[in-house]
Amino acid sequence: MVLFGVLVVFQTLSLPGQFRYMAEQSPQDAHLRWPATAVTVFWVLCVQVVIVATWQLLSLVKNDRIFTEASLKWVDAIVWAIAAAWVVLVGVFLWVGFNADDPGVPLLLFLLTVGVTVLGLLMVVMRALLRQATTLRTDMEAVI
């Protein structure tokens, strides 16, 4: 809950203020202020979706309802948030890669893209395992 609140403050105050300051300090890059703000605020939103979905999954675990269809919608929310963040990250990576004169930032974005890809694939596997366990539990309850 505290992390979510910090992210809201970060999203609404810190990021826009930081990009405004950067635009003032580097007027030649001022045209990037709003796209950079929009992209980073979107990424924070994706993290917030993952936090809320994880919170809901933890409450399902607490109530011993994790192996139900209700849990799958929260896992889907995590997968879609990661996928949306990945698509935007790939777009940023390509834009920076084609416009960079130094390989440092594109390489960092590439590594970040690989990391988010691995996280997304891991979540797809976890979703498949949850679906399989939910089906098995439903079948076992039907037998008993």
N, C-alpha and C. Protein backbone atom coordinates (compact mmCIF):
# COMPACT_ATOMS: atom_id res chain seq x y z
N MET A 1 0.83 -1.19 0.00
CA MET A 1 0.00 0.00 0.00
C MET A 1 0.87 1.26 0.00
N VAL A 2 1.93 1.23 0.80
CA VAL A 2 2.84 2.38 0.86
C VAL A 2 3.53 2.54 -0.49
N LEU A 3 3.97 1.42 -1.07
CA LEU A 3 4.63 1.48 -2.38
C LEU A 3 3.70 2.07 -3.43
N PHE A 4 2.44 1.69 -3.40
CA PHE A 4 1.48 2.23 -4.35
C PHE A 4 1.35 3.74 -4.18
N GLY A 5 1.26 4.20 -2.94
CA GLY A 5 1.18 5.63 -2.67
C GLY A 5 2.42 6.39 -3.12
N VAL A 6 3.58 5.81 -2.89
CA VAL A 6 4.83 6.44 -3.34
C VAL A 6 4.84 6.53 -4.86
N LEU A 7 4.37 5.48 -5.53
CA LEU A 7 4.32 5.50 -6.99
C LEU A 7 3.36 6.56 -7.52
N VAL A 8 2.24 6.77 -6.82
CA VAL A 8 1.30 7.82 -7.24
C VAL A 8 1.96 9.19 -7.14
N VAL A 9 2.67 9.43 -6.05
CA VAL A 9 3.37 10.71 -5.89
C VAL A 9 4.45 10.84 -6.96
N PHE A 10 5.18 9.79 -7.17
CA PHE A 10 6.23 9.77 -8.19
C PHE A 10 5.64 10.07 -9.57
N GLN A 11 4.50 9.44 -9.85
CA GLN A 11 3.84 9.55 -11.15
C GLN A 11 3.28 10.95 -11.39
N THR A 12 2.73 11.56 -10.37
CA THR A 12 2.03 12.84 -10.56
C THR A 12 2.91 14.06 -10.29
N LEU A 13 3.91 13.93 -9.46
CA LEU A 13 4.72 15.09 -9.10
C LEU A 13 6.17 14.98 -9.56
N SER A 14 6.82 13.90 -9.20
CA SER A 14 8.25 13.78 -9.42
C SER A 14 8.62 13.68 -10.90
N LEU A 15 7.99 12.75 -11.61
CA LEU A 15 8.35 12.57 -13.03
C LEU A 15 8.08 13.82 -13.87
N PRO A 16 6.88 14.41 -13.82
CA PRO A 16 6.66 15.62 -14.61
C PRO A 16 7.62 16.75 -14.22
N GLY A 17 7.88 16.90 -12.92
CA GLY A 17 8.82 17.93 -12.47
C GLY A 17 10.23 17.68 -12.95
N GLN A 18 10.65 16.42 -12.92
CA GLN A 18 12.00 16.08 -13.38
C GLN A 18 12.17 16.37 -14.87
N PHE A 19 11.17 16.00 -15.67
CA PHE A 19 11.31 16.23 -17.11
C PHE A 19 11.18 17.72 -17.45
N ARG A 20 10.43 18.49 -16.67
CA ARG A 20 10.38 19.94 -16.84
C ARG A 20 11.75 20.54 -16.56
N TYR A 21 12.37 20.11 -15.47
CA TYR A 21 13.70 20.59 -15.11
C TYR A 21 14.72 20.23 -16.18
N MET A 22 14.65 19.00 -16.68
CA MET A 22 15.58 18.58 -17.72
C MET A 22 15.39 19.40 -19.00
N ALA A 23 14.15 19.75 -19.32
CA ALA A 23 13.88 20.57 -20.50
C ALA A 23 14.45 21.98 -20.33
N GLU A 24 14.40 22.50 -19.11
CA GLU A 24 14.97 23.82 -18.85
C GLU A 24 16.49 23.79 -18.94
N GLN A 25 17.11 22.70 -18.47
CA GLN A 25 18.56 22.59 -18.47
C GLN A 25 19.13 22.27 -19.85
N SER A 26 18.36 21.57 -20.66
CA SER A 26 18.81 21.20 -22.01
C SER A 26 17.73 21.59 -23.01
N PRO A 27 17.69 22.86 -23.41
CA PRO A 27 16.63 23.30 -24.32
C PRO A 27 16.61 22.55 -25.66
N GLN A 28 17.76 22.03 -26.09
CA GLN A 28 17.80 21.29 -27.35
C GLN A 28 17.02 19.99 -27.27
N ASP A 29 16.78 19.48 -26.05
CA ASP A 29 16.02 18.25 -25.86
C ASP A 29 14.64 18.51 -25.27
N ALA A 30 14.23 19.77 -25.24
CA ALA A 30 12.94 20.12 -24.61
C ALA A 30 11.76 19.46 -25.31
N HIS A 31 11.90 19.17 -26.60
CA HIS A 31 10.79 18.54 -27.34
C HIS A 31 10.50 17.12 -26.83
N LEU A 32 11.42 16.54 -26.08
CA LEU A 32 11.22 15.18 -25.55
C LEU A 32 10.51 15.18 -24.20
N ARG A 33 10.25 16.38 -23.65
CA ARG A 33 9.67 16.46 -22.31
C ARG A 33 8.36 15.68 -22.19
N TRP A 34 7.41 15.96 -23.06
CA TRP A 34 6.09 15.33 -22.92
C TRP A 34 6.09 13.87 -23.33
N PRO A 35 6.77 13.47 -24.40
CA PRO A 35 6.82 12.03 -24.69
C PRO A 35 7.50 11.24 -23.57
N ALA A 36 8.59 11.77 -23.03
CA ALA A 36 9.28 11.07 -21.94
C ALA A 36 8.41 10.99 -20.70
N THR A 37 7.70 12.07 -20.41
CA THR A 37 6.79 12.07 -19.26
C THR A 37 5.69 11.03 -19.46
N ALA A 38 5.08 11.02 -20.63
CA ALA A 38 3.99 10.08 -20.91
C ALA A 38 4.46 8.62 -20.81
N VAL A 39 5.61 8.33 -21.37
CA VAL A 39 6.12 6.96 -21.36
C VAL A 39 6.44 6.52 -19.93
N THR A 40 7.12 7.35 -19.17
CA THR A 40 7.49 6.92 -17.82
C THR A 40 6.27 6.84 -16.90
N VAL A 41 5.32 7.74 -17.06
CA VAL A 41 4.08 7.65 -16.27
C VAL A 41 3.33 6.37 -16.64
N PHE A 42 3.33 6.01 -17.91
CA PHE A 42 2.69 4.76 -18.34
C PHE A 42 3.37 3.55 -17.72
N TRP A 43 4.71 3.55 -17.68
CA TRP A 43 5.42 2.44 -17.07
C TRP A 43 5.09 2.33 -15.58
N VAL A 44 5.01 3.46 -14.91
CA VAL A 44 4.64 3.43 -13.49
C VAL A 44 3.22 2.89 -13.34
N LEU A 45 2.32 3.26 -14.25
CA LEU A 45 0.96 2.73 -14.23
C LEU A 45 0.96 1.21 -14.38
N CYS A 46 1.80 0.70 -15.26
CA CYS A 46 1.91 -0.76 -15.43
C CYS A 46 2.38 -1.42 -14.14
N VAL A 47 3.34 -0.81 -13.46
CA VAL A 47 3.81 -1.34 -12.18
C VAL A 47 2.68 -1.31 -11.16
N GLN A 48 1.88 -0.24 -11.17
CA GLN A 48 0.75 -0.14 -10.23
C GLN A 48 -0.27 -1.25 -10.49
N VAL A 49 -0.52 -1.56 -11.75
CA VAL A 49 -1.44 -2.65 -12.08
C VAL A 49 -0.91 -3.97 -11.53
N VAL A 50 0.39 -4.19 -11.68
CA VAL A 50 1.00 -5.42 -11.16
C VAL A 50 0.88 -5.47 -9.64
N ILE A 51 1.08 -4.34 -8.97
CA ILE A 51 0.97 -4.30 -7.51
C ILE A 51 -0.45 -4.62 -7.06
N VAL A 52 -1.43 -3.99 -7.68
CA VAL A 52 -2.83 -4.24 -7.30
C VAL A 52 -3.21 -5.69 -7.56
N ALA A 53 -2.82 -6.23 -8.70
CA ALA A 53 -3.14 -7.61 -9.03
C ALA A 53 -2.46 -8.58 -8.07
N THR A 54 -1.21 -8.30 -7.73
CA THR A 54 -0.50 -9.14 -6.77
C THR A 54 -1.17 -9.09 -5.41
N TRP A 55 -1.58 -7.91 -5.01
CA TRP A 55 -2.29 -7.74 -3.75
C TRP A 55 -3.57 -8.57 -3.73
N GLN A 56 -4.30 -8.53 -4.82
CA GLN A 56 -5.53 -9.32 -4.92
C GLN A 56 -5.23 -10.82 -4.89
N LEU A 57 -4.17 -11.22 -5.56
CA LEU A 57 -3.79 -12.65 -5.53
C LEU A 57 -3.40 -13.08 -4.12
N LEU A 58 -2.70 -12.20 -3.41
CA LEU A 58 -2.34 -12.54 -2.03
C LEU A 58 -3.57 -12.68 -1.14
N SER A 59 -4.57 -11.85 -1.39
CA SER A 59 -5.80 -12.00 -0.60
C SER A 59 -6.53 -13.29 -0.97
N LEU A 60 -6.45 -13.71 -2.21
CA LEU A 60 -7.03 -15.00 -2.60
C LEU A 60 -6.28 -16.16 -1.94
N VAL A 61 -4.96 -16.03 -1.82
CA VAL A 61 -4.17 -17.05 -1.13
C VAL A 61 -4.60 -17.12 0.33
N LYS A 62 -4.72 -15.96 0.95
CA LYS A 62 -5.11 -15.88 2.36
C LYS A 62 -6.47 -16.54 2.60
N ASN A 63 -7.38 -16.36 1.65
CA ASN A 63 -8.74 -16.93 1.78
C ASN A 63 -8.85 -18.33 1.18
N ASP A 64 -7.70 -18.92 0.80
CA ASP A 64 -7.65 -20.26 0.21
C ASP A 64 -8.53 -20.36 -1.04
N ARG A 65 -8.46 -19.31 -1.87
CA ARG A 65 -9.23 -19.30 -3.11
C ARG A 65 -8.32 -19.08 -4.33
N ILE A 66 -7.04 -19.34 -4.16
CA ILE A 66 -6.10 -19.07 -5.25
C ILE A 66 -6.34 -19.99 -6.44
N PHE A 67 -6.80 -21.21 -6.19
CA PHE A 67 -7.04 -22.15 -7.29
C PHE A 67 -8.48 -22.07 -7.76
N THR A 68 -8.91 -20.87 -8.10
CA THR A 68 -10.24 -20.64 -8.65
C THR A 68 -10.10 -19.78 -9.90
N GLU A 69 -11.16 -19.70 -10.65
CA GLU A 69 -11.15 -18.89 -11.87
C GLU A 69 -10.92 -17.41 -11.56
N ALA A 70 -11.29 -16.98 -10.36
CA ALA A 70 -11.12 -15.57 -9.99
C ALA A 70 -9.66 -15.15 -10.02
N SER A 71 -8.77 -16.08 -9.69
CA SER A 71 -7.35 -15.73 -9.67
C SER A 71 -6.79 -15.52 -11.07
N LEU A 72 -7.37 -16.18 -12.05
CA LEU A 72 -6.83 -16.08 -13.41
C LEU A 72 -6.97 -14.67 -13.98
N LYS A 73 -8.04 -13.97 -13.62
CA LYS A 73 -8.19 -12.61 -14.15
C LYS A 73 -7.10 -11.68 -13.61
N TRP A 74 -6.67 -11.92 -12.36
CA TRP A 74 -5.61 -11.08 -11.80
C TRP A 74 -4.25 -11.42 -12.42
N VAL A 75 -4.02 -12.69 -12.69
CA VAL A 75 -2.79 -13.07 -13.38
C VAL A 75 -2.80 -12.52 -14.80
N ASP A 76 -3.97 -12.55 -15.46
CA ASP A 76 -4.08 -11.95 -16.79
C ASP A 76 -3.75 -10.46 -16.74
N ALA A 77 -4.21 -9.77 -15.70
CA ALA A 77 -3.90 -8.34 -15.57
C ALA A 77 -2.40 -8.12 -15.48
N ILE A 78 -1.71 -8.98 -14.73
CA ILE A 78 -0.25 -8.86 -14.63
C ILE A 78 0.40 -9.11 -15.99
N VAL A 79 -0.04 -10.16 -16.67
CA VAL A 79 0.54 -10.48 -17.98
C VAL A 79 0.31 -9.33 -18.97
N TRP A 80 -0.90 -8.78 -19.00
CA TRP A 80 -1.19 -7.70 -19.94
C TRP A 80 -0.43 -6.42 -19.57
N ALA A 81 -0.26 -6.14 -18.30
CA ALA A 81 0.51 -4.96 -17.89
C ALA A 81 1.97 -5.10 -18.30
N ILE A 82 2.52 -6.29 -18.11
CA ILE A 82 3.91 -6.53 -18.53
C ILE A 82 4.02 -6.44 -20.04
N ALA A 83 3.05 -7.00 -20.75
CA ALA A 83 3.08 -6.95 -22.22
C ALA A 83 2.99 -5.51 -22.73
N ALA A 84 2.12 -4.72 -22.13
CA ALA A 84 1.99 -3.32 -22.55
C ALA A 84 3.28 -2.54 -22.28
N ALA A 85 3.85 -2.76 -21.10
CA ALA A 85 5.11 -2.09 -20.78
C ALA A 85 6.21 -2.54 -21.73
N TRP A 86 6.22 -3.82 -22.10
CA TRP A 86 7.23 -4.35 -23.01
C TRP A 86 7.11 -3.72 -24.40
N VAL A 87 5.89 -3.59 -24.90
CA VAL A 87 5.69 -2.99 -26.22
C VAL A 87 6.22 -1.56 -26.25
N VAL A 88 5.90 -0.80 -25.23
CA VAL A 88 6.38 0.59 -25.17
C VAL A 88 7.90 0.61 -25.01
N LEU A 89 8.43 -0.31 -24.19
CA LEU A 89 9.88 -0.38 -24.00
C LEU A 89 10.59 -0.70 -25.32
N VAL A 90 10.06 -1.61 -26.08
CA VAL A 90 10.67 -1.95 -27.38
C VAL A 90 10.63 -0.73 -28.30
N GLY A 91 9.50 0.00 -28.28
CA GLY A 91 9.42 1.22 -29.09
C GLY A 91 10.47 2.25 -28.68
N VAL A 92 10.62 2.45 -27.39
CA VAL A 92 11.64 3.39 -26.90
C VAL A 92 13.03 2.89 -27.26
N PHE A 93 13.26 1.60 -27.08
CA PHE A 93 14.56 1.02 -27.43
C PHE A 93 14.90 1.25 -28.90
N LEU A 94 13.94 1.00 -29.78
CA LEU A 94 14.19 1.20 -31.21
C LEU A 94 14.42 2.67 -31.53
N TRP A 95 13.62 3.55 -30.95
CA TRP A 95 13.79 4.99 -31.22
C TRP A 95 15.15 5.47 -30.74
N VAL A 96 15.49 5.10 -29.52
CA VAL A 96 16.79 5.51 -28.97
C VAL A 96 17.92 4.87 -29.76
N GLY A 97 17.76 3.59 -30.10
CA GLY A 97 18.80 2.89 -30.84
C GLY A 97 19.11 3.52 -32.18
N PHE A 98 18.08 3.99 -32.88
CA PHE A 98 18.30 4.61 -34.18
C PHE A 98 18.76 6.06 -34.08
N ASN A 99 18.59 6.69 -32.94
CA ASN A 99 18.95 8.10 -32.79
C ASN A 99 20.14 8.34 -31.87
N ALA A 100 20.69 7.30 -31.28
CA ALA A 100 21.78 7.46 -30.31
C ALA A 100 23.12 7.58 -31.01
N ASP A 101 24.00 8.35 -30.39
CA ASP A 101 25.37 8.43 -30.89
C ASP A 101 26.34 7.75 -29.92
N ASP A 102 25.79 7.23 -28.82
CA ASP A 102 26.57 6.52 -27.82
C ASP A 102 25.87 5.18 -27.56
N PRO A 103 26.60 4.08 -27.53
CA PRO A 103 25.95 2.78 -27.38
C PRO A 103 25.48 2.46 -25.96
N GLY A 104 25.80 3.30 -24.98
CA GLY A 104 25.48 3.00 -23.58
C GLY A 104 24.00 2.88 -23.31
N VAL A 105 23.22 3.89 -23.68
CA VAL A 105 21.78 3.88 -23.40
C VAL A 105 21.06 2.78 -24.20
N PRO A 106 21.34 2.61 -25.50
CA PRO A 106 20.69 1.49 -26.19
C PRO A 106 21.02 0.13 -25.58
N LEU A 107 22.26 -0.04 -25.13
CA LEU A 107 22.62 -1.31 -24.51
C LEU A 107 21.86 -1.51 -23.20
N LEU A 108 21.74 -0.46 -22.41
CA LEU A 108 20.97 -0.54 -21.17
C LEU A 108 19.50 -0.85 -21.46
N LEU A 109 18.94 -0.20 -22.48
CA LEU A 109 17.55 -0.48 -22.86
C LEU A 109 17.38 -1.90 -23.39
N PHE A 110 18.39 -2.40 -24.10
CA PHE A 110 18.34 -3.78 -24.57
C PHE A 110 18.31 -4.75 -23.40
N LEU A 111 19.17 -4.52 -22.41
CA LEU A 111 19.19 -5.40 -21.24
C LEU A 111 17.87 -5.32 -20.47
N LEU A 112 17.31 -4.14 -20.37
CA LEU A 112 16.02 -3.97 -19.72
C LEU A 112 14.92 -4.69 -20.50
N THR A 113 14.98 -4.62 -21.82
CA THR A 113 14.01 -5.31 -22.67
C THR A 113 14.11 -6.82 -22.48
N VAL A 114 15.32 -7.33 -22.41
CA VAL A 114 15.51 -8.77 -22.18
C VAL A 114 14.95 -9.15 -20.81
N GLY A 115 15.21 -8.33 -19.80
CA GLY A 115 14.70 -8.61 -18.46
C GLY A 115 13.18 -8.62 -18.41
N VAL A 116 12.54 -7.66 -19.04
CA VAL A 116 11.07 -7.60 -19.05
C VAL A 116 10.52 -8.76 -19.87
N THR A 117 11.22 -9.15 -20.93
CA THR A 117 10.80 -10.31 -21.73
C THR A 117 10.81 -11.58 -20.89
N VAL A 118 11.88 -11.77 -20.15
CA VAL A 118 11.99 -12.95 -19.28
C VAL A 118 10.90 -12.93 -18.23
N LEU A 119 10.65 -11.78 -17.62
CA LEU A 119 9.60 -11.65 -16.62
C LEU A 119 8.23 -11.97 -17.22
N GLY A 120 7.97 -11.45 -18.41
CA GLY A 120 6.69 -11.73 -19.09
C GLY A 120 6.53 -13.20 -19.40
N LEU A 121 7.58 -13.83 -19.92
CA LEU A 121 7.50 -15.26 -20.23
C LEU A 121 7.32 -16.09 -18.96
N LEU A 122 7.98 -15.69 -17.89
CA LEU A 122 7.81 -16.37 -16.61
C LEU A 122 6.35 -16.28 -16.14
N MET A 123 5.75 -15.13 -16.30
CA MET A 123 4.35 -14.96 -15.90
C MET A 123 3.41 -15.79 -16.77
N VAL A 124 3.72 -15.93 -18.04
CA VAL A 124 2.91 -16.78 -18.92
C VAL A 124 2.99 -18.23 -18.46
N VAL A 125 4.18 -18.68 -18.09
CA VAL A 125 4.35 -20.04 -17.57
C VAL A 125 3.59 -20.20 -16.25
N MET A 126 3.72 -19.22 -15.37
CA MET A 126 3.03 -19.29 -14.08
C MET A 126 1.50 -19.30 -14.27
N ARG A 127 1.04 -18.56 -15.25
CA ARG A 127 -0.40 -18.54 -15.55
C ARG A 127 -0.86 -19.92 -16.01
N ALA A 128 -0.06 -20.54 -16.88
CA ALA A 128 -0.40 -21.88 -17.36
C ALA A 128 -0.41 -22.89 -16.20
N LEU A 129 0.55 -22.76 -15.30
CA LEU A 129 0.57 -23.65 -14.14
C LEU A 129 -0.63 -23.42 -13.22
N LEU A 130 -1.00 -22.17 -13.03
CA LEU A 130 -2.17 -21.86 -12.21
C LEU A 130 -3.44 -22.42 -12.84
N ARG A 131 -3.55 -22.27 -14.16
CA ARG A 131 -4.73 -22.82 -14.85
C ARG A 131 -4.78 -24.34 -14.69
N GLN A 132 -3.64 -24.98 -14.85
CA GLN A 132 -3.60 -26.44 -14.72
C GLN A 132 -3.94 -26.86 -13.29
N ALA A 133 -3.40 -26.18 -12.31
CA ALA A 133 -3.70 -26.52 -10.91
C ALA A 133 -5.16 -26.25 -10.58
N THR A 134 -5.72 -25.19 -11.13
CA THR A 134 -7.13 -24.88 -10.90
C THR A 134 -8.01 -25.97 -11.50
N THR A 135 -7.68 -26.41 -12.69
CA THR A 135 -8.44 -27.49 -13.34
C THR A 135 -8.34 -28.78 -12.53
N LEU A 136 -7.13 -29.10 -12.08
CA LEU A 136 -6.96 -30.32 -11.27
C LEU A 136 -7.76 -30.23 -9.97
N ARG A 137 -7.73 -29.08 -9.32
CA ARG A 137 -8.47 -28.94 -8.07
C ARG A 137 -9.97 -29.04 -8.31
N THR A 138 -10.45 -28.45 -9.39
CA THR A 138 -11.87 -28.53 -9.73
C THR A 138 -12.25 -29.97 -10.01
N ASP A 139 -11.41 -30.68 -10.74
CA ASP A 139 -11.68 -32.10 -11.04
C ASP A 139 -11.68 -32.94 -9.76
N MET A 140 -10.75 -32.65 -8.86
CA MET A 140 -10.69 -33.40 -7.59
C MET A 140 -11.92 -33.13 -6.73
N GLU A 141 -12.38 -31.90 -6.72
CA GLU A 141 -13.58 -31.57 -5.94
C GLU A 141 -14.81 -32.25 -6.53
N ALA A 142 -14.82 -32.41 -7.84
CA ALA A 142 -15.96 -33.07 -8.48
C ALA A 142 -15.98 -34.56 -8.16
N VAL A 143 -14.80 -35.16 -8.01
CA VAL A 143 -14.70 -36.59 -7.70
C VAL A 143 -15.11 -36.84 -6.25
N ILE A 144 -14.73 -35.93 -5.37
CA ILE A 144 -15.00 -36.11 -3.93
C ILE A 144 -16.38 -35.75 -3.62
